[in-house]
Amino acid sequence: MPRQYIDLVAEMGGNTFQEIIKSSPRKIRETLFGRMGIKAKKKKVGIRVHGRLEDRAEKLHLRLKDGTTDQENELCGELLRNWLFTKRPLLKATLDHLGIENDNGLIEEDPEFFKALEEDKVVDLVSHLRAKEFSNEEIKVYLTFVETPFLEKALG
């Protein structure tokens, strides 16, 4: 089974994963927590209190790092897709640099053109995005998500 989305989630830092969870709609988050058996409430001296989102997200991150099923991989992919939608400045800067027409970072077509980028273009793109002060982790997640070749070398 390809684990490309699980691997992306497993490699990312806890703060980025927290941001991903917070950017997901509440209904999706709660469904995901429920499917993964992460309780919404815990008992404290006989009183039920809500578990903190940060604590629940940390448990979810640990669970997904060890994911093995296609369903878990797709869940990770959906979380990443939702998060990337909130990263429109990154998407726009990338597409503008590549000369791809876009609507504030969104395009109508599948981003298949990323797979055909040559090494020097990928290195130049990563340098451009770093100069715009996007984090290495944001750059890596986005460009890995769209299957950009030569990325490890470009990220150095």
Foldseek 3Di string as FASTA:
>chain_A
DDQLLLVLLLPDDLVVLLLLLVLDDPVLNVVLLVVLVNDQWDDDPNDIDGDDSSVSSVVVSVVSNPDDDPVSSVSSLVSLVSSVVVVLCLLVQLCVLVVHDADSNHDDDQLQVQCVDDQVSLLVSVVSSVVVVDDLSVVVSVSVSSPHPNNVVSSD
